[in-house]
Amino acid sequence: MTQRSFKYRFYPTSEQETLLRMTMGCARLVYNRALAARTEAWYEKSERVGYEKTSTMLTSWKKQEDLQFLNHVSSVPLQQGLRHLQTAFSNFFAGRAKYPNFKKKRNGGNAEFTKAAFKWKDRKVFLAKCSQPLAIRWSRQLPLCAEPSTITVKLSPNGRWTVSILVDVEIETLPKSLNLVGVDLGISSLVALSTGEKIANPKGFKVKKAKLRKAQKTLSRKHQRSNNRHKARVKVAKVHAQISDARNDFLHKLTTRLVRENQLIAVEDLSVKNMVKNRKLALSISDASWSELVRQLEYKCDWYGRTFVKIDRWFPSSKRCGHCGHIVDKLPLNIREWDCPKCGTHHDRDINASKNILAAGLAVSVCGANVRPDSLKVKGQLRKTPGGKKQKPNP
């Protein structure tokens, strides 16, 4: 059984919207107060405050006169917010994320309901303290006999209400395929496949850039904290949502197609976080959304019984000749085609890289070979050790 989330749009009534906005506001308040308390305890007393202590703080906050409104909403989303804060701190101390930030009202909000705070009856969702079910637009049906374990309601900055239903489903593996593919990620061509196919980058941000610029220019002229500024901010958020929706739709269709057609998929393990530090390429790399593409390929391969292989980021896939294995010294980004100086084979930079990635992926999947370039085994030359000292080559 696999946990899978199904996301739908819904249209709340005026009473439901009031209650949900209040619930999200209370959850945001509790999260921010707990974050402030934990930060203050650390800097003033060098003391770590955990989930249990923040839960005790929540009980005391509910008894204060100025925070009585916390009792008017379900307590489950408030507790879930504290659990999410604990997870954020765990990721921070493990080095997987930055220090948690305070939540802002203008970014929308969300509230998570566990089984104790909602009712699933006749395939309808009844949230705590709501007498009417949510008017969900069922764009796709849930699996039969699916029982939701968690329901998350979210309000986007553009005013869109969505509900995510987490269920346990059994995903059938796809029939085995004889196709194997190496994937080289790029900017002009989003992916180049070892089969020789190139898939163009839709460049969703560039398509909406003029519209976004106009909306942001209008927003900059509005007075602070005015109603007109709020309306202009929503328009900017809608343009950003259009860009995001188009990008996610394209990536899901592409990754699903690759997973359905191929038994093994090999990609490079790129450090996108460091690559976006290049100010000339940062916008194009972010618009291509390489990290999201690789993430989708990875979990879909796990779902459908495919083999997913990541190649070491230092593997010279572009500079290695796929015919004879010769590695050129330099290959600038502006050179898209090149001839091997050793065997004379003409290469398309991206297609050659994808073929090398596939070959390295097969080596890793079959025997666990190390595909990292090894400068210690260059015959007839001095070799460098990790410490930087030069030694004679092995005989």
Protein backbone atom coordinates (compact mmCIF):
# COMPACT_ATOMS: atom_id res chain seq x y z
CA MET A 1 0.00 0.00 0.00
CA THR A 2 1.22 3.47 -0.94
CA GLN A 3 0.09 6.80 0.46
CA ARG A 4 -1.12 9.02 -2.35
CA SER A 5 -2.62 12.49 -2.26
CA PHE A 6 -5.49 13.58 -4.52
CA LYS A 7 -5.96 17.31 -4.92
CA TYR A 8 -9.27 18.96 -5.87
CA ARG A 9 -10.74 22.41 -6.04
CA PHE A 10 -13.74 23.21 -3.88
CA TYR A 11 -16.04 26.18 -3.45
CA PRO A 12 -16.93 26.91 0.19
CA THR A 13 -20.12 28.61 1.32
CA SER A 14 -19.86 31.94 3.10
CA GLU A 15 -20.13 30.22 6.51
CA GLN A 16 -17.50 27.62 5.60
CA GLU A 17 -15.15 30.29 4.24
CA THR A 18 -15.45 32.32 7.43
CA LEU A 19 -14.75 29.28 9.60
CA LEU A 20 -11.86 28.06 7.43
CA ARG A 21 -10.22 31.48 7.30
CA MET A 22 -10.51 31.70 11.09
CA THR A 23 -9.04 28.20 11.46
CA MET A 24 -6.09 29.05 9.20
CA GLY A 25 -5.53 32.31 11.06
CA CYS A 26 -5.48 30.53 14.42
CA ALA A 27 -3.13 27.84 13.07
CA ARG A 28 -0.81 30.56 11.75
CA LEU A 29 -0.90 32.40 15.07
CA VAL A 30 -0.08 29.27 17.06
CA TYR A 31 2.74 28.35 14.67
CA ASN A 32 4.31 31.82 14.86
CA ARG A 33 3.99 32.04 18.66
CA ALA A 34 5.57 28.62 19.08
CA LEU A 35 8.39 29.53 16.70
CA ALA A 36 9.03 32.77 18.60
CA ALA A 37 9.02 30.90 21.93
CA ARG A 38 11.48 28.29 20.70
CA THR A 39 13.78 30.92 19.19
CA GLU A 40 13.71 33.04 22.34
CA ALA A 41 14.40 30.03 24.57
CA TRP A 42 17.42 29.09 22.51
CA TYR A 43 19.03 32.54 22.29
CA GLU A 44 18.34 33.55 25.89
CA LYS A 45 18.67 30.25 27.79
CA SER A 46 20.34 27.94 25.23
CA GLU A 47 17.40 25.63 25.79
CA ARG A 48 15.71 23.48 23.18
CA VAL A 49 11.92 23.48 23.29
CA GLY A 50 10.22 20.43 21.78
CA TYR A 51 6.72 19.60 20.60
CA GLU A 52 5.47 18.51 24.03
CA LYS A 53 6.34 21.83 25.62
CA THR A 54 4.77 23.86 22.80
CA SER A 55 1.64 21.73 23.15
CA THR A 56 1.52 22.69 26.83
CA MET A 57 1.96 26.33 25.81
CA LEU A 58 -1.04 26.00 23.48
CA THR A 59 -3.19 24.84 26.38
CA SER A 60 -2.18 27.87 28.42
CA TRP A 61 -2.76 30.23 25.47
CA LYS A 62 -6.35 29.04 25.15
CA LYS A 63 -6.98 30.12 28.73
CA GLN A 64 -5.85 33.71 28.14
CA GLU A 65 -8.58 36.31 27.73
CA ASP A 66 -7.14 37.84 24.58
CA LEU A 67 -6.81 34.40 22.91
CA GLN A 68 -10.23 32.95 23.67
CA PHE A 69 -10.97 32.75 19.94
CA LEU A 70 -8.60 29.76 19.73
CA ASN A 71 -11.38 27.70 21.35
CA HIS A 72 -13.81 28.52 18.54
CA VAL A 73 -12.01 26.36 15.97
CA SER A 74 -11.00 22.72 15.87
CA SER A 75 -7.92 21.95 17.97
CA VAL A 76 -6.57 19.40 15.48
CA PRO A 77 -5.19 21.90 12.89
CA LEU A 78 -3.50 23.79 15.73
CA GLN A 79 -1.78 20.64 16.99
CA GLN A 80 -0.83 19.67 13.44
CA GLY A 81 0.80 23.08 13.00
CA LEU A 82 2.98 22.40 16.06
CA ARG A 83 3.93 19.00 14.63
CA HIS A 84 4.92 20.63 11.34
CA LEU A 85 7.06 23.10 13.27
CA GLN A 86 8.79 20.22 15.03
CA THR A 87 9.46 18.62 11.63
CA ALA A 88 10.87 21.91 10.33
CA PHE A 89 13.30 22.11 13.26
CA SER A 90 14.30 18.46 12.80
CA ASN A 91 15.13 19.17 9.15
CA PHE A 92 17.07 22.28 10.18
CA PHE A 93 19.22 20.48 12.75
CA ALA A 94 19.83 17.66 10.26
CA GLY A 95 21.08 20.16 7.67
CA ARG A 96 18.27 19.48 5.20
CA ALA A 97 16.61 22.90 5.40
CA LYS A 98 17.06 26.46 6.58
CA TYR A 99 15.80 27.88 9.87
CA PRO A 100 11.97 28.01 9.96
CA ASN A 101 10.33 31.29 8.97
CA PHE A 102 7.22 32.98 10.31
CA LYS A 103 4.06 32.45 8.29
CA LYS A 104 2.42 35.44 6.59
CA LYS A 105 -1.23 36.06 5.97
CA ARG A 106 -0.71 37.27 2.41
CA ASN A 107 0.71 33.87 1.44
CA GLY A 108 -2.66 32.24 1.99
CA GLY A 109 -2.84 29.46 4.53
CA ASN A 110 -3.63 25.82 5.17
CA ALA A 111 -5.18 23.64 7.81
CA GLU A 112 -4.63 19.91 8.22
CA PHE A 113 -7.38 17.69 9.60
CA THR A 114 -6.77 14.15 10.80
CA LYS A 115 -9.44 11.48 11.22
CA ALA A 116 -10.57 12.96 14.53
CA ALA A 117 -11.53 16.24 12.85
CA PHE A 118 -13.46 15.19 9.75
CA LYS A 119 -16.09 12.71 8.66
CA TRP A 120 -16.09 10.78 5.38
CA LYS A 121 -19.64 9.71 4.58
CA ASP A 122 -21.09 8.70 1.21
CA ARG A 123 -17.93 10.03 -0.46
CA LYS A 124 -18.54 13.47 1.05
CA VAL A 125 -16.20 15.43 3.33
CA PHE A 126 -17.58 16.97 6.53
CA LEU A 127 -14.98 19.03 8.41
CA ALA A 128 -15.11 19.68 12.16
CA LYS A 129 -17.63 22.37 13.15
CA CYS A 130 -19.08 22.38 9.58
CA SER A 131 -22.62 21.11 9.16
CA GLN A 132 -22.49 21.01 5.35
CA PRO A 133 -20.10 18.96 3.19
CA LEU A 134 -17.46 20.65 1.06
CA ALA A 135 -18.58 21.40 -2.49
CA ILE A 136 -15.69 19.57 -4.13
CA ARG A 137 -15.27 19.49 -7.87
CA TRP A 138 -14.40 15.84 -8.47
CA SER A 139 -12.14 16.18 -11.49
CA ARG A 140 -11.15 12.53 -10.98
CA GLN A 141 -12.61 9.85 -8.79
CA LEU A 142 -10.92 8.46 -5.74
CA PRO A 143 -10.04 4.74 -5.80
CA LEU A 144 -12.85 2.47 -4.70
CA CYS A 145 -12.99 1.67 -0.98
CA ALA A 146 -10.47 4.46 -0.27
CA GLU A 147 -10.58 5.83 3.27
CA PRO A 148 -8.91 9.23 3.76
CA SER A 149 -6.41 9.42 6.60
CA THR A 150 -5.67 13.15 6.36
CA ILE A 151 -7.42 16.08 4.69
CA THR A 152 -5.60 19.37 4.08
CA VAL A 153 -7.46 22.52 3.11
CA LYS A 154 -5.41 25.23 1.44
CA LEU A 155 -6.07 28.82 0.39
CA SER A 156 -3.66 30.02 -2.31
CA PRO A 157 -2.55 33.66 -2.58
CA ASN A 158 -4.71 33.97 -5.72
CA GLY A 159 -7.86 33.09 -3.77
CA ARG A 160 -8.15 29.47 -4.94
CA TRP A 161 -9.45 26.91 -2.44
CA THR A 162 -8.11 23.36 -2.75
CA VAL A 163 -8.42 20.21 -0.67
CA SER A 164 -5.83 17.40 -0.62
CA ILE A 165 -7.10 13.98 0.39
CA LEU A 166 -4.46 11.48 1.54
CA VAL A 167 -5.43 7.82 1.04
CA ASP A 168 -3.71 4.43 1.07
CA VAL A 169 -3.90 2.86 -2.39
CA GLU A 170 -2.40 -0.17 -4.07
CA ILE A 171 -0.67 0.90 -7.28
CA GLU A 172 -0.29 -1.80 -9.92
CA THR A 173 3.15 -2.04 -11.50
CA LEU A 174 3.37 -1.51 -15.23
CA PRO A 175 4.25 -4.42 -17.53
CA LYS A 176 7.96 -4.73 -18.18
CA SER A 177 9.42 -2.87 -21.12
CA LEU A 178 12.57 -3.52 -23.14
CA ASN A 179 13.29 0.19 -23.57
CA LEU A 180 16.08 1.93 -21.66
CA VAL A 181 16.69 5.68 -21.78
CA GLY A 182 19.24 8.22 -20.63
CA VAL A 183 18.00 11.74 -19.94
CA ASP A 184 20.14 14.85 -20.28
CA LEU A 185 18.59 18.00 -18.83
CA GLY A 186 18.98 21.32 -20.61
CA ILE A 187 17.52 24.77 -21.14
CA SER A 188 16.75 25.19 -24.84
CA SER A 189 15.79 21.51 -24.98
CA LEU A 190 14.34 20.58 -21.63
CA VAL A 191 15.39 16.95 -22.05
CA ALA A 192 17.48 15.15 -24.65
CA LEU A 193 16.92 11.40 -24.78
CA SER A 194 19.42 8.73 -25.73
CA THR A 195 16.99 7.68 -28.46
CA GLY A 196 17.88 10.89 -30.32
CA GLU A 197 14.69 12.74 -29.40
CA LYS A 198 14.76 16.27 -28.03
CA ILE A 199 11.82 17.78 -26.14
CA ALA A 200 11.66 21.55 -26.25
CA ASN A 201 11.41 23.64 -23.13
CA PRO A 202 7.97 25.35 -23.00
CA LYS A 203 9.48 28.26 -21.00
CA GLY A 204 6.28 29.04 -19.14
CA PHE A 205 7.69 32.09 -17.39
CA LYS A 206 8.86 33.69 -20.63
CA VAL A 207 5.39 33.26 -22.15
CA LYS A 208 3.73 35.15 -19.28
CA LYS A 209 6.59 37.56 -18.58
CA ALA A 210 4.94 40.58 -20.24
CA LYS A 211 1.62 39.94 -18.50
CA LEU A 212 3.35 39.50 -15.14
CA ARG A 213 5.39 42.67 -15.62
CA LYS A 214 2.25 44.68 -16.35
CA ALA A 215 0.48 43.30 -13.25
CA GLN A 216 3.49 43.98 -11.02
CA LYS A 217 3.82 47.51 -12.40
CA THR A 218 0.17 48.17 -11.52
CA LEU A 219 0.73 46.73 -8.04
CA SER A 220 3.72 49.00 -7.40
CA ARG A 221 1.57 52.10 -7.94
CA LYS A 222 -1.07 51.24 -5.35
CA HIS A 223 -1.06 52.71 -1.85
CA GLN A 224 0.12 50.48 0.96
CA ARG A 225 -2.65 48.60 2.86
CA SER A 226 -5.36 49.82 0.49
CA ASN A 227 -8.14 47.71 -0.96
CA ASN A 228 -6.95 48.45 -4.49
CA ARG A 229 -3.49 47.16 -3.60
CA HIS A 230 -5.03 43.93 -2.32
CA LYS A 231 -6.89 43.49 -5.63
CA ALA A 232 -3.70 44.16 -7.62
CA ARG A 233 -1.78 41.67 -5.46
CA VAL A 234 -4.38 38.98 -6.23
CA LYS A 235 -3.96 39.65 -9.96
CA VAL A 236 -0.21 39.16 -9.68
CA ALA A 237 -0.77 35.93 -7.75
CA LYS A 238 -3.11 34.68 -10.49
CA VAL A 239 -0.45 35.18 -13.15
CA HIS A 240 2.07 33.29 -11.02
CA ALA A 241 -0.50 30.50 -10.60
CA GLN A 242 -0.98 30.28 -14.38
CA ILE A 243 2.78 29.90 -14.86
CA SER A 244 3.00 27.25 -12.15
CA ASP A 245 -0.02 25.29 -13.40
CA ALA A 246 1.26 25.19 -16.99
CA ARG A 247 4.71 24.07 -15.84
CA ASN A 248 3.40 21.33 -13.55
CA ASP A 249 0.98 20.05 -16.20
CA PHE A 250 3.78 19.75 -18.76
CA LEU A 251 6.16 18.04 -16.32
CA HIS A 252 3.56 15.50 -15.19
CA LYS A 253 2.70 14.54 -18.78
CA LEU A 254 6.37 14.25 -19.73
CA THR A 255 7.46 12.20 -16.71
CA THR A 256 4.44 9.89 -16.97
CA ARG A 257 5.25 9.23 -20.61
CA LEU A 258 8.90 8.44 -19.86
CA VAL A 259 7.98 6.09 -17.03
CA ARG A 260 5.38 4.24 -19.09
CA GLU A 261 7.68 3.73 -22.08
CA ASN A 262 10.97 2.78 -20.39
CA GLN A 263 12.07 0.13 -17.93
CA LEU A 264 15.22 2.01 -16.82
CA ILE A 265 15.68 5.78 -16.64
CA ALA A 266 19.11 7.29 -15.96
CA VAL A 267 19.63 10.98 -15.14
CA GLU A 268 22.40 13.19 -13.79
CA ASP A 269 22.44 14.17 -10.12
CA LEU A 270 22.62 17.93 -10.70
CA SER A 271 23.25 20.43 -7.91
CA VAL A 272 20.55 22.89 -8.95
CA LYS A 273 20.95 24.85 -5.72
CA ASN A 274 24.49 25.79 -6.69
CA MET A 275 23.75 26.22 -10.40
CA VAL A 276 21.17 28.96 -9.81
CA LYS A 277 23.88 31.08 -8.22
CA ASN A 278 24.94 31.93 -11.77
CA ARG A 279 22.98 35.15 -12.29
CA LYS A 280 23.03 34.76 -16.08
CA LEU A 281 21.36 31.33 -16.03
CA ALA A 282 19.42 31.43 -12.76
CA LEU A 283 16.10 32.48 -14.31
CA SER A 284 16.28 29.91 -17.14
CA ILE A 285 17.27 27.09 -14.78
CA SER A 286 14.49 27.93 -12.33
CA ASP A 287 11.95 28.11 -15.15
CA ALA A 288 13.05 24.69 -16.42
CA SER A 289 12.35 23.21 -12.96
CA TRP A 290 14.90 20.38 -13.18
CA SER A 291 14.55 19.40 -9.52
CA GLU A 292 10.81 18.88 -9.85
CA LEU A 293 11.25 16.84 -13.04
CA VAL A 294 13.76 14.51 -11.36
CA ARG A 295 11.58 14.25 -8.25
CA GLN A 296 8.57 13.19 -10.31
CA LEU A 297 10.59 10.63 -12.23
CA GLU A 298 11.93 9.16 -9.00
CA TYR A 299 8.63 8.63 -7.20
CA LYS A 300 6.78 7.48 -10.34
CA CYS A 301 9.47 4.89 -11.03
CA ASP A 302 9.05 3.68 -7.45
CA TRP A 303 5.27 3.48 -7.90
CA TYR A 304 5.22 1.59 -11.19
CA GLY A 305 8.16 -0.77 -10.72
CA ARG A 306 10.69 0.99 -12.93
CA THR A 307 14.43 1.36 -12.29
CA PHE A 308 15.65 4.90 -11.61
CA VAL A 309 19.39 5.61 -11.58
CA LYS A 310 21.17 8.86 -10.69
CA ILE A 311 24.61 9.43 -12.19
CA ASP A 312 27.31 11.24 -10.24
CA ARG A 313 27.27 14.95 -11.02
CA TRP A 314 31.01 14.93 -11.83
CA PHE A 315 30.65 12.32 -14.55
CA PRO A 316 31.85 14.00 -17.82
CA SER A 317 28.81 13.06 -19.89
CA SER A 318 29.11 15.97 -22.33
CA LYS A 319 32.89 15.90 -22.81
CA ARG A 320 33.21 12.13 -23.28
CA CYS A 321 33.03 10.68 -26.77
CA GLY A 322 30.32 8.04 -26.82
CA HIS A 323 32.14 6.13 -29.58
CA CYS A 324 35.73 5.79 -28.33
CA GLY A 325 35.56 7.15 -24.76
CA HIS A 326 37.97 10.04 -25.30
CA ILE A 327 37.43 13.01 -22.95
CA VAL A 328 38.10 16.49 -24.29
CA ASP A 329 39.70 19.06 -22.01
CA LYS A 330 37.17 21.87 -22.51
CA LEU A 331 33.70 22.10 -24.00
CA PRO A 332 32.08 25.55 -23.49
CA LEU A 333 28.31 25.85 -23.35
CA ASN A 334 28.13 27.72 -26.66
CA ILE A 335 29.45 24.65 -28.53
CA ARG A 336 26.43 22.47 -29.26
CA GLU A 337 28.12 20.12 -31.76
CA TRP A 338 31.68 18.85 -31.83
CA ASP A 339 33.98 16.30 -33.48
CA CYS A 340 36.03 13.85 -31.46
CA PRO A 341 39.74 14.64 -31.99
CA LYS A 342 40.64 10.95 -31.60
CA CYS A 343 38.12 9.05 -33.74
CA GLY A 344 36.56 11.93 -35.68
CA THR A 345 32.96 11.08 -34.74
CA HIS A 346 30.56 14.00 -35.00
CA HIS A 347 28.46 14.52 -31.87
CA ASP A 348 25.42 16.49 -30.89
CA ARG A 349 26.32 17.69 -27.42
CA ASP A 350 23.01 16.81 -25.70
CA ILE A 351 22.36 13.51 -27.49
CA ASN A 352 25.91 12.34 -26.82
CA ALA A 353 25.55 13.26 -23.14
CA SER A 354 22.28 11.31 -22.85
CA LYS A 355 23.89 8.22 -24.41
CA ASN A 356 26.80 8.42 -21.97
CA ILE A 357 24.36 8.83 -19.08
CA LEU A 358 22.52 5.71 -20.18
CA ALA A 359 25.76 3.71 -20.43
CA ALA A 360 26.83 4.88 -16.97
CA GLY A 361 23.37 4.14 -15.60
CA LEU A 362 23.55 0.56 -16.89
CA ALA A 363 26.96 0.13 -15.28
CA VAL A 364 25.63 1.37 -11.94
CA SER A 365 22.44 -0.71 -12.04
CA VAL A 366 24.19 -3.94 -13.09
CA CYS A 367 27.37 -3.97 -11.01
CA GLY A 368 27.30 -0.80 -8.91
CA ALA A 369 30.30 0.65 -10.76
CA ASN A 370 31.78 3.99 -9.82
CA VAL A 371 31.21 6.40 -12.72
CA ARG A 372 33.02 9.32 -11.08
CA PRO A 373 36.00 10.46 -13.19
CA ASP A 374 39.11 8.98 -11.69
CA SER A 375 42.21 11.07 -12.31
CA LEU A 376 44.37 8.68 -10.33
CA LYS A 377 44.57 6.10 -13.12
CA VAL A 378 45.87 8.22 -15.98
CA LYS A 379 48.59 6.07 -17.47
CA GLY A 380 52.04 7.61 -17.93
CA GLN A 381 51.27 10.79 -15.99
CA LEU A 382 51.69 11.95 -12.43
CA ARG A 383 48.54 11.43 -10.43
CA LYS A 384 47.12 13.64 -7.68
CA THR A 385 45.99 12.20 -4.41
CA PRO A 386 43.04 13.70 -2.47
CA GLY A 387 45.60 15.55 -0.34
CA GLY A 388 47.01 17.33 -3.41
CA LYS A 389 50.41 15.55 -3.47
CA LYS A 390 51.73 14.16 -6.74
CA GLN A 391 52.68 10.51 -6.87
CA LYS A 392 53.99 8.22 -9.58
CA PRO A 393 51.40 6.23 -11.45
CA ASN A 394 50.77 2.58 -10.69
CA PRO A 395 52.66 0.20 -12.98
